[in-house]
N, C-alpha and C. Protein backbone atom coordinates (compact mmCIF):
# COMPACT_ATOMS: atom_id res chain seq x y z
N MET A 1 1.02 -4.17 -28.73
CA MET A 1 0.44 -3.57 -27.54
C MET A 1 0.83 -4.42 -26.34
N ALA A 2 1.35 -3.76 -25.28
CA ALA A 2 1.79 -4.50 -24.09
C ALA A 2 1.61 -3.66 -22.84
N VAL A 3 1.32 -4.30 -21.75
CA VAL A 3 1.33 -3.65 -20.44
C VAL A 3 2.80 -3.65 -20.00
N LEU A 4 3.32 -2.50 -19.61
CA LEU A 4 4.74 -2.37 -19.32
C LEU A 4 5.08 -2.45 -17.85
N GLY A 5 4.08 -2.41 -16.98
CA GLY A 5 4.35 -2.49 -15.56
C GLY A 5 3.20 -1.90 -14.77
N VAL A 6 3.28 -2.00 -13.47
CA VAL A 6 2.29 -1.39 -12.58
C VAL A 6 2.81 0.00 -12.24
N LEU A 7 1.99 1.01 -12.46
CA LEU A 7 2.39 2.39 -12.21
C LEU A 7 2.43 2.70 -10.71
N HIS A 8 1.33 2.44 -10.02
CA HIS A 8 1.24 2.65 -8.57
C HIS A 8 -0.10 2.13 -8.08
N VAL A 9 -0.27 2.10 -6.78
CA VAL A 9 -1.54 1.79 -6.14
C VAL A 9 -2.04 3.08 -5.52
N GLY A 10 -3.28 3.45 -5.78
CA GLY A 10 -3.85 4.67 -5.22
C GLY A 10 -4.81 4.36 -4.09
N LEU A 11 -4.67 5.10 -2.99
CA LEU A 11 -5.56 4.94 -1.83
C LEU A 11 -6.18 6.29 -1.49
N THR A 12 -7.50 6.34 -1.43
CA THR A 12 -8.19 7.56 -1.02
C THR A 12 -8.20 7.62 0.50
N VAL A 13 -7.75 8.75 1.04
CA VAL A 13 -7.60 8.90 2.48
C VAL A 13 -8.36 10.13 2.96
N SER A 14 -8.62 10.19 4.26
CA SER A 14 -9.37 11.32 4.83
C SER A 14 -8.47 12.48 5.22
N ASP A 15 -7.19 12.22 5.48
CA ASP A 15 -6.26 13.25 5.91
C ASP A 15 -4.89 12.92 5.32
N LEU A 16 -4.51 13.64 4.27
CA LEU A 16 -3.29 13.33 3.53
C LEU A 16 -2.05 13.41 4.41
N ASP A 17 -1.95 14.44 5.23
CA ASP A 17 -0.77 14.60 6.08
C ASP A 17 -0.63 13.43 7.05
N ARG A 18 -1.72 13.08 7.73
CA ARG A 18 -1.69 11.97 8.68
C ARG A 18 -1.33 10.66 7.98
N SER A 19 -1.96 10.40 6.83
CA SER A 19 -1.71 9.13 6.14
C SER A 19 -0.30 9.04 5.60
N SER A 20 0.22 10.11 5.05
CA SER A 20 1.60 10.10 4.56
C SER A 20 2.56 9.84 5.72
N ASP A 21 2.34 10.53 6.82
CA ASP A 21 3.18 10.32 8.01
C ASP A 21 3.08 8.87 8.48
N TRP A 22 1.86 8.31 8.50
CA TRP A 22 1.64 6.95 8.99
C TRP A 22 2.39 5.93 8.12
N TYR A 23 2.23 6.00 6.79
CA TYR A 23 2.89 5.05 5.91
C TYR A 23 4.41 5.20 5.96
N CYS A 24 4.89 6.43 6.08
CA CYS A 24 6.34 6.64 6.19
C CYS A 24 6.87 6.10 7.51
N HIS A 25 6.16 6.33 8.59
CA HIS A 25 6.61 5.86 9.91
C HIS A 25 6.50 4.34 10.03
N VAL A 26 5.36 3.78 9.69
CA VAL A 26 5.11 2.35 9.91
C VAL A 26 5.91 1.49 8.94
N PHE A 27 5.96 1.86 7.66
CA PHE A 27 6.59 1.02 6.64
C PHE A 27 7.92 1.54 6.13
N GLY A 28 8.35 2.70 6.61
CA GLY A 28 9.62 3.24 6.17
C GLY A 28 9.60 3.78 4.76
N LEU A 29 8.40 4.07 4.23
CA LEU A 29 8.31 4.66 2.90
C LEU A 29 8.79 6.10 2.96
N LYS A 30 9.04 6.70 1.81
CA LYS A 30 9.41 8.11 1.78
C LYS A 30 8.49 8.84 0.80
N GLU A 31 8.10 10.03 1.19
CA GLU A 31 7.28 10.85 0.30
C GLU A 31 8.21 11.49 -0.73
N VAL A 32 7.93 11.24 -2.02
CA VAL A 32 8.81 11.75 -3.07
C VAL A 32 8.22 12.91 -3.85
N HIS A 33 6.91 13.12 -3.71
CA HIS A 33 6.28 14.22 -4.44
C HIS A 33 4.91 14.50 -3.83
N ARG A 34 4.52 15.76 -3.86
CA ARG A 34 3.18 16.16 -3.42
C ARG A 34 2.66 17.18 -4.41
N GLN A 35 1.39 17.08 -4.73
CA GLN A 35 0.82 18.03 -5.70
C GLN A 35 -0.67 18.20 -5.48
N PRO A 36 -1.20 19.36 -5.87
CA PRO A 36 -2.65 19.54 -5.86
C PRO A 36 -3.24 18.96 -7.14
N GLY A 37 -4.51 18.68 -7.11
CA GLY A 37 -5.24 18.23 -8.29
C GLY A 37 -6.53 19.02 -8.38
N ASP A 38 -6.43 20.27 -8.79
CA ASP A 38 -7.60 21.15 -8.89
C ASP A 38 -7.64 21.73 -10.29
N ASN A 39 -7.99 20.85 -11.25
CA ASN A 39 -8.02 21.25 -12.66
C ASN A 39 -9.01 20.38 -13.42
N ASP A 40 -9.35 20.80 -14.63
CA ASP A 40 -10.34 20.07 -15.42
C ASP A 40 -9.88 18.64 -15.73
N TYR A 41 -8.58 18.46 -16.01
CA TYR A 41 -8.07 17.13 -16.31
C TYR A 41 -8.36 16.16 -15.16
N THR A 42 -8.06 16.59 -13.93
CA THR A 42 -8.27 15.72 -12.76
C THR A 42 -9.74 15.41 -12.57
N ARG A 43 -10.60 16.42 -12.69
CA ARG A 43 -12.04 16.19 -12.53
C ARG A 43 -12.56 15.21 -13.58
N THR A 44 -12.06 15.31 -14.81
CA THR A 44 -12.45 14.37 -15.87
C THR A 44 -11.93 12.97 -15.55
N LEU A 45 -10.67 12.89 -15.13
CA LEU A 45 -10.05 11.60 -14.84
C LEU A 45 -10.79 10.85 -13.74
N VAL A 46 -11.11 11.53 -12.63
CA VAL A 46 -11.76 10.85 -11.51
C VAL A 46 -13.27 10.77 -11.66
N GLY A 47 -13.82 11.56 -12.58
CA GLY A 47 -15.26 11.51 -12.82
C GLY A 47 -16.09 12.13 -11.72
N ILE A 48 -15.52 13.08 -10.97
CA ILE A 48 -16.23 13.74 -9.88
C ILE A 48 -16.28 15.24 -10.20
N PRO A 49 -17.44 15.76 -10.63
CA PRO A 49 -17.53 17.18 -10.96
C PRO A 49 -17.15 18.05 -9.76
N GLY A 50 -16.34 19.06 -10.01
CA GLY A 50 -15.94 20.00 -8.97
C GLY A 50 -14.88 19.49 -8.02
N ALA A 51 -14.38 18.29 -8.24
CA ALA A 51 -13.40 17.71 -7.31
C ALA A 51 -12.11 18.51 -7.28
N ALA A 52 -11.53 18.58 -6.10
CA ALA A 52 -10.19 19.10 -5.90
C ALA A 52 -9.47 18.14 -4.97
N LEU A 53 -8.25 17.78 -5.31
CA LEU A 53 -7.51 16.75 -4.59
C LEU A 53 -6.18 17.29 -4.06
N ARG A 54 -5.68 16.61 -3.06
CA ARG A 54 -4.28 16.72 -2.64
C ARG A 54 -3.71 15.32 -2.80
N VAL A 55 -2.52 15.24 -3.37
CA VAL A 55 -1.92 13.94 -3.69
C VAL A 55 -0.50 13.88 -3.14
N ALA A 56 -0.17 12.76 -2.51
CA ALA A 56 1.21 12.49 -2.08
C ALA A 56 1.64 11.17 -2.70
N GLN A 57 2.84 11.16 -3.25
CA GLN A 57 3.40 9.95 -3.84
C GLN A 57 4.49 9.41 -2.92
N LEU A 58 4.37 8.11 -2.59
CA LEU A 58 5.29 7.47 -1.66
C LEU A 58 6.07 6.37 -2.37
N ALA A 59 7.34 6.25 -2.03
CA ALA A 59 8.21 5.24 -2.63
C ALA A 59 8.81 4.36 -1.54
N MET A 60 9.20 3.16 -1.93
CA MET A 60 9.96 2.28 -1.05
C MET A 60 11.30 2.96 -0.79
N PRO A 61 11.93 2.70 0.36
CA PRO A 61 13.17 3.41 0.69
C PRO A 61 14.26 3.29 -0.36
N ASP A 62 14.35 2.14 -1.02
CA ASP A 62 15.42 1.94 -2.01
C ASP A 62 14.91 1.97 -3.44
N GLN A 63 13.70 2.49 -3.65
CA GLN A 63 13.12 2.52 -4.99
C GLN A 63 13.83 3.58 -5.83
N GLU A 64 14.35 3.15 -6.93
CA GLU A 64 14.99 4.08 -7.85
C GLU A 64 13.91 4.85 -8.61
N ALA A 65 14.22 6.06 -8.97
CA ALA A 65 13.29 6.87 -9.75
C ALA A 65 13.39 6.42 -11.21
N VAL A 66 12.85 5.24 -11.48
CA VAL A 66 12.93 4.68 -12.83
C VAL A 66 11.54 4.55 -13.41
N TRP A 67 11.47 4.51 -14.68
CA TRP A 67 10.23 4.31 -15.39
C TRP A 67 9.81 2.87 -15.19
N PRO A 68 8.54 2.53 -15.05
CA PRO A 68 7.38 3.33 -15.34
C PRO A 68 6.93 4.27 -14.23
N SER A 69 7.52 4.22 -13.06
CA SER A 69 7.06 5.11 -12.00
C SER A 69 8.16 5.35 -10.98
N SER A 70 8.08 6.50 -10.36
CA SER A 70 9.04 6.83 -9.29
C SER A 70 8.47 6.54 -7.92
N HIS A 71 7.24 6.02 -7.86
CA HIS A 71 6.60 5.77 -6.57
C HIS A 71 5.74 4.51 -6.64
N THR A 72 5.41 3.99 -5.47
CA THR A 72 4.63 2.76 -5.36
C THR A 72 3.20 3.04 -4.93
N ILE A 73 3.03 3.99 -4.00
CA ILE A 73 1.71 4.29 -3.45
C ILE A 73 1.40 5.76 -3.69
N GLU A 74 0.17 6.02 -4.09
CA GLU A 74 -0.32 7.38 -4.25
C GLU A 74 -1.48 7.57 -3.27
N LEU A 75 -1.32 8.50 -2.35
CA LEU A 75 -2.38 8.82 -1.40
C LEU A 75 -3.14 10.01 -1.93
N ILE A 76 -4.47 9.94 -1.87
CA ILE A 76 -5.33 10.97 -2.46
C ILE A 76 -6.34 11.43 -1.42
N GLU A 77 -6.36 12.72 -1.16
CA GLU A 77 -7.37 13.32 -0.29
C GLU A 77 -8.26 14.21 -1.15
N TYR A 78 -9.57 14.00 -1.10
CA TYR A 78 -10.52 14.86 -1.81
C TYR A 78 -10.84 16.05 -0.92
N VAL A 79 -10.32 17.22 -1.30
CA VAL A 79 -10.58 18.45 -0.56
C VAL A 79 -11.98 18.96 -0.89
N ARG A 80 -12.34 18.86 -2.17
CA ARG A 80 -13.72 19.14 -2.62
C ARG A 80 -14.24 17.90 -3.31
N GLY A 81 -15.46 17.51 -2.96
CA GLY A 81 -16.06 16.33 -3.56
C GLY A 81 -15.76 15.04 -2.83
N PRO A 82 -15.54 15.09 -1.50
CA PRO A 82 -15.24 13.84 -0.80
C PRO A 82 -16.45 12.90 -0.81
N GLY A 83 -16.17 11.63 -0.84
CA GLY A 83 -17.22 10.62 -0.78
C GLY A 83 -17.40 10.13 0.64
N GLY A 84 -18.19 9.08 0.77
CA GLY A 84 -18.41 8.49 2.08
C GLY A 84 -17.31 7.52 2.43
N ARG A 85 -17.39 7.00 3.62
CA ARG A 85 -16.41 6.03 4.10
C ARG A 85 -16.96 4.62 3.84
N VAL A 86 -16.12 3.74 3.32
CA VAL A 86 -16.51 2.35 3.10
C VAL A 86 -15.60 1.46 3.95
N ALA A 87 -16.12 0.33 4.32
CA ALA A 87 -15.34 -0.63 5.11
C ALA A 87 -15.62 -2.03 4.60
N PRO A 88 -15.18 -2.34 3.36
CA PRO A 88 -15.46 -3.67 2.83
C PRO A 88 -14.68 -4.74 3.58
N LEU A 89 -15.29 -5.89 3.69
CA LEU A 89 -14.61 -7.06 4.25
C LEU A 89 -13.79 -7.72 3.14
N PRO A 90 -12.79 -8.50 3.49
CA PRO A 90 -11.96 -9.12 2.46
C PRO A 90 -12.74 -9.97 1.45
N ASN A 91 -13.90 -10.50 1.85
CA ASN A 91 -14.68 -11.34 0.93
C ASN A 91 -15.71 -10.56 0.13
N ASP A 92 -15.79 -9.24 0.29
CA ASP A 92 -16.72 -8.43 -0.51
C ASP A 92 -16.15 -8.20 -1.90
N VAL A 93 -16.98 -8.44 -2.92
CA VAL A 93 -16.55 -8.18 -4.29
C VAL A 93 -16.22 -6.70 -4.41
N GLY A 94 -15.08 -6.40 -4.98
CA GLY A 94 -14.62 -5.02 -5.10
C GLY A 94 -13.64 -4.62 -4.01
N ALA A 95 -13.54 -5.43 -2.97
CA ALA A 95 -12.55 -5.16 -1.92
C ALA A 95 -11.16 -5.43 -2.48
N SER A 96 -10.18 -4.76 -1.95
CA SER A 96 -8.80 -4.98 -2.38
C SER A 96 -7.90 -4.92 -1.16
N HIS A 97 -6.66 -5.32 -1.36
CA HIS A 97 -5.67 -5.16 -0.31
C HIS A 97 -4.30 -4.92 -0.93
N LEU A 98 -3.45 -4.30 -0.18
CA LEU A 98 -2.08 -4.02 -0.59
C LEU A 98 -1.17 -4.81 0.34
N ALA A 99 -0.24 -5.58 -0.22
CA ALA A 99 0.61 -6.44 0.59
C ALA A 99 2.06 -5.95 0.59
N PHE A 100 2.67 -6.02 1.76
CA PHE A 100 4.08 -5.64 1.94
C PHE A 100 4.86 -6.87 2.38
N VAL A 101 6.04 -7.05 1.83
CA VAL A 101 6.98 -8.05 2.32
C VAL A 101 7.81 -7.36 3.40
N VAL A 102 7.92 -7.99 4.56
CA VAL A 102 8.65 -7.40 5.68
C VAL A 102 9.68 -8.40 6.22
N ASP A 103 10.67 -7.88 6.93
CA ASP A 103 11.68 -8.77 7.48
C ASP A 103 11.47 -9.10 8.95
N ASP A 104 10.54 -8.39 9.60
CA ASP A 104 10.24 -8.66 11.02
C ASP A 104 8.76 -8.31 11.25
N ILE A 105 7.91 -9.27 11.01
CA ILE A 105 6.47 -9.03 11.07
C ILE A 105 6.00 -8.61 12.46
N ASP A 106 6.61 -9.15 13.50
CA ASP A 106 6.20 -8.79 14.86
C ASP A 106 6.50 -7.33 15.16
N ALA A 107 7.66 -6.86 14.74
CA ALA A 107 8.03 -5.45 14.96
C ALA A 107 7.12 -4.52 14.17
N ILE A 108 6.82 -4.86 12.93
CA ILE A 108 5.93 -4.02 12.12
C ILE A 108 4.53 -4.02 12.73
N CYS A 109 4.04 -5.16 13.17
CA CYS A 109 2.71 -5.22 13.81
C CYS A 109 2.67 -4.33 15.05
N ALA A 110 3.72 -4.33 15.84
CA ALA A 110 3.76 -3.46 17.01
C ALA A 110 3.71 -1.99 16.60
N ARG A 111 4.43 -1.63 15.52
CA ARG A 111 4.41 -0.25 15.03
C ARG A 111 3.03 0.10 14.50
N VAL A 112 2.38 -0.85 13.80
CA VAL A 112 1.03 -0.62 13.27
C VAL A 112 0.07 -0.26 14.40
N THR A 113 0.02 -1.08 15.42
CA THR A 113 -0.95 -0.84 16.50
C THR A 113 -0.61 0.40 17.32
N ALA A 114 0.68 0.66 17.51
CA ALA A 114 1.08 1.86 18.26
C ALA A 114 0.79 3.14 17.48
N SER A 115 0.60 3.02 16.16
CA SER A 115 0.41 4.20 15.31
C SER A 115 -1.02 4.36 14.81
N GLY A 116 -1.97 3.62 15.39
CA GLY A 116 -3.37 3.80 15.02
C GLY A 116 -3.92 2.82 14.02
N GLY A 117 -3.13 1.85 13.58
CA GLY A 117 -3.64 0.79 12.72
C GLY A 117 -4.26 -0.30 13.56
N VAL A 118 -5.01 -1.19 12.91
CA VAL A 118 -5.71 -2.26 13.63
C VAL A 118 -5.41 -3.59 12.95
N LEU A 119 -4.91 -4.55 13.71
CA LEU A 119 -4.66 -5.88 13.17
C LEU A 119 -5.98 -6.64 13.03
N ARG A 120 -6.20 -7.30 11.90
CA ARG A 120 -7.36 -8.19 11.74
C ARG A 120 -7.06 -9.52 12.41
N ASN A 121 -5.79 -9.89 12.39
CA ASN A 121 -5.34 -11.14 13.01
C ASN A 121 -3.88 -10.98 13.39
N PRO A 122 -3.44 -11.74 14.39
CA PRO A 122 -2.00 -11.71 14.71
C PRO A 122 -1.25 -12.43 13.59
N PRO A 123 0.06 -12.22 13.50
CA PRO A 123 0.83 -12.97 12.50
C PRO A 123 0.57 -14.47 12.66
N THR A 124 0.29 -15.10 11.54
CA THR A 124 -0.04 -16.51 11.55
C THR A 124 0.84 -17.25 10.55
N GLU A 125 1.18 -18.49 10.86
CA GLU A 125 2.02 -19.27 9.96
C GLU A 125 1.22 -19.69 8.72
N VAL A 126 1.84 -19.56 7.57
CA VAL A 126 1.26 -20.02 6.32
C VAL A 126 1.61 -21.50 6.21
N THR A 127 0.57 -22.35 6.19
CA THR A 127 0.79 -23.80 6.24
C THR A 127 0.57 -24.51 4.92
N ALA A 128 0.19 -23.78 3.87
CA ALA A 128 -0.05 -24.41 2.57
C ALA A 128 0.28 -23.41 1.47
N GLY A 129 0.52 -23.95 0.29
CA GLY A 129 0.74 -23.09 -0.87
C GLY A 129 2.19 -22.64 -1.03
N VAL A 130 2.40 -21.76 -1.96
CA VAL A 130 3.74 -21.33 -2.34
C VAL A 130 4.48 -20.62 -1.20
N ASN A 131 3.75 -19.98 -0.30
CA ASN A 131 4.38 -19.26 0.81
C ASN A 131 4.44 -20.07 2.11
N ARG A 132 4.23 -21.37 2.02
CA ARG A 132 4.29 -22.23 3.20
C ARG A 132 5.58 -21.98 3.98
N GLY A 133 5.44 -21.88 5.31
CA GLY A 133 6.59 -21.60 6.16
C GLY A 133 6.80 -20.12 6.42
N SER A 134 6.04 -19.29 5.76
CA SER A 134 6.10 -17.85 5.98
C SER A 134 5.11 -17.47 7.08
N ARG A 135 5.09 -16.21 7.46
CA ARG A 135 4.10 -15.70 8.41
C ARG A 135 3.42 -14.50 7.78
N ALA A 136 2.11 -14.37 8.03
CA ALA A 136 1.34 -13.29 7.40
C ALA A 136 0.25 -12.79 8.33
N CYS A 137 -0.21 -11.58 8.07
CA CYS A 137 -1.39 -11.05 8.77
C CYS A 137 -2.04 -9.97 7.91
N TYR A 138 -3.31 -9.74 8.20
CA TYR A 138 -4.06 -8.64 7.60
C TYR A 138 -4.23 -7.56 8.67
N LEU A 139 -4.30 -6.33 8.22
CA LEU A 139 -4.50 -5.19 9.11
C LEU A 139 -5.22 -4.08 8.37
N HIS A 140 -5.60 -3.06 9.12
CA HIS A 140 -6.23 -1.87 8.52
C HIS A 140 -5.42 -0.65 8.89
N ASP A 141 -5.23 0.24 7.91
CA ASP A 141 -4.59 1.52 8.20
C ASP A 141 -5.63 2.41 8.89
N PRO A 142 -5.27 3.63 9.32
CA PRO A 142 -6.23 4.48 10.03
C PRO A 142 -7.51 4.82 9.25
N ASP A 143 -7.49 4.70 7.92
CA ASP A 143 -8.70 4.93 7.13
C ASP A 143 -9.45 3.65 6.80
N GLY A 144 -8.95 2.51 7.26
CA GLY A 144 -9.65 1.24 7.04
C GLY A 144 -9.20 0.45 5.83
N HIS A 145 -8.19 0.92 5.08
CA HIS A 145 -7.68 0.13 3.96
C HIS A 145 -7.10 -1.18 4.48
N THR A 146 -7.39 -2.27 3.79
CA THR A 146 -6.85 -3.56 4.16
C THR A 146 -5.45 -3.71 3.60
N LEU A 147 -4.52 -4.03 4.49
CA LEU A 147 -3.12 -4.26 4.13
C LEU A 147 -2.74 -5.66 4.59
N GLU A 148 -1.76 -6.24 3.94
CA GLU A 148 -1.24 -7.55 4.32
C GLU A 148 0.25 -7.42 4.57
N LEU A 149 0.73 -8.11 5.57
CA LEU A 149 2.16 -8.21 5.82
C LEU A 149 2.57 -9.66 5.58
N MET A 150 3.70 -9.85 4.92
CA MET A 150 4.22 -11.20 4.66
C MET A 150 5.70 -11.22 5.03
N GLU A 151 6.05 -12.08 5.96
CA GLU A 151 7.45 -12.34 6.29
C GLU A 151 7.76 -13.71 5.72
N TYR A 152 8.56 -13.73 4.65
CA TYR A 152 8.84 -15.00 3.97
C TYR A 152 9.60 -15.96 4.87
N GLY A 153 9.25 -17.24 4.74
CA GLY A 153 10.01 -18.29 5.39
C GLY A 153 11.31 -18.53 4.64
N VAL A 154 12.18 -19.31 5.20
CA VAL A 154 13.50 -19.55 4.63
C VAL A 154 13.41 -20.12 3.21
N GLU A 155 12.55 -21.13 3.01
CA GLU A 155 12.45 -21.77 1.69
C GLU A 155 11.91 -20.81 0.63
N ARG A 156 10.86 -20.05 0.96
CA ARG A 156 10.28 -19.13 -0.01
C ARG A 156 11.27 -18.02 -0.36
N ALA A 157 11.95 -17.49 0.62
CA ALA A 157 12.93 -16.44 0.38
C ALA A 157 14.05 -16.95 -0.52
N ALA A 158 14.51 -18.18 -0.26
CA ALA A 158 15.59 -18.76 -1.08
C ALA A 158 15.12 -18.98 -2.52
N ALA A 159 13.88 -19.45 -2.69
CA ALA A 159 13.35 -19.68 -4.04
C ALA A 159 13.24 -18.37 -4.81
N LEU A 160 12.79 -17.31 -4.16
CA LEU A 160 12.68 -16.02 -4.84
C LEU A 160 14.05 -15.44 -5.16
N ARG A 161 15.01 -15.60 -4.25
CA ARG A 161 16.37 -15.13 -4.53
C ARG A 161 16.95 -15.88 -5.72
N ALA A 162 16.74 -17.19 -5.79
CA ALA A 162 17.25 -17.99 -6.90
C ALA A 162 16.63 -17.55 -8.22
N ARG A 163 15.34 -17.27 -8.21
CA ARG A 163 14.66 -16.83 -9.42
C ARG A 163 15.21 -15.48 -9.87
N THR A 164 15.42 -14.57 -8.92
CA THR A 164 15.94 -13.24 -9.23
C THR A 164 17.35 -13.35 -9.78
N THR A 165 18.18 -14.19 -9.17
CA THR A 165 19.56 -14.37 -9.62
C THR A 165 19.60 -14.97 -11.02
N ALA A 166 18.72 -15.92 -11.29
CA ALA A 166 18.70 -16.59 -12.60
C ALA A 166 18.27 -15.62 -13.70
N SER A 167 17.45 -14.64 -13.40
CA SER A 167 16.96 -13.73 -14.44
C SER A 167 17.89 -12.55 -14.67
N SER A 168 18.92 -12.37 -13.82
CA SER A 168 19.82 -11.24 -14.04
C SER A 168 21.02 -11.59 -14.84
């Protein structure tokens, strides 16, 4: 028995069209599939009686359609059975965040704020740990999901490239 990989990260959103457009515009993702979820299987899976969903699957621009998944992010809108809005802080148990590696954190931050996202902090230098010399920030998408941006410093990027090269 083995875990074979991460399938995707799912985010519940209030407006599927807006959120898909936002993630595609801000992060350059592409929508690779859209489907309804209005069946007994879906209601059993999510544990919400009577639920009906709209789902969009988003992939990184260069993500190959390979197993275990063809997408990285799954956006889910509850058309029937929507819940309330939550706004957990990063230190709340049960809170989560999704992190993106970027090549120009300042440009992405400008796109985030121009597109309705909110920065929790400006890009800040990482001064300790494995990512020392990098820059990072936390932000919220239009529905309040916590996201992280990481622009690797020269040393961290070189170490990861060396590791990738050694394993191929």
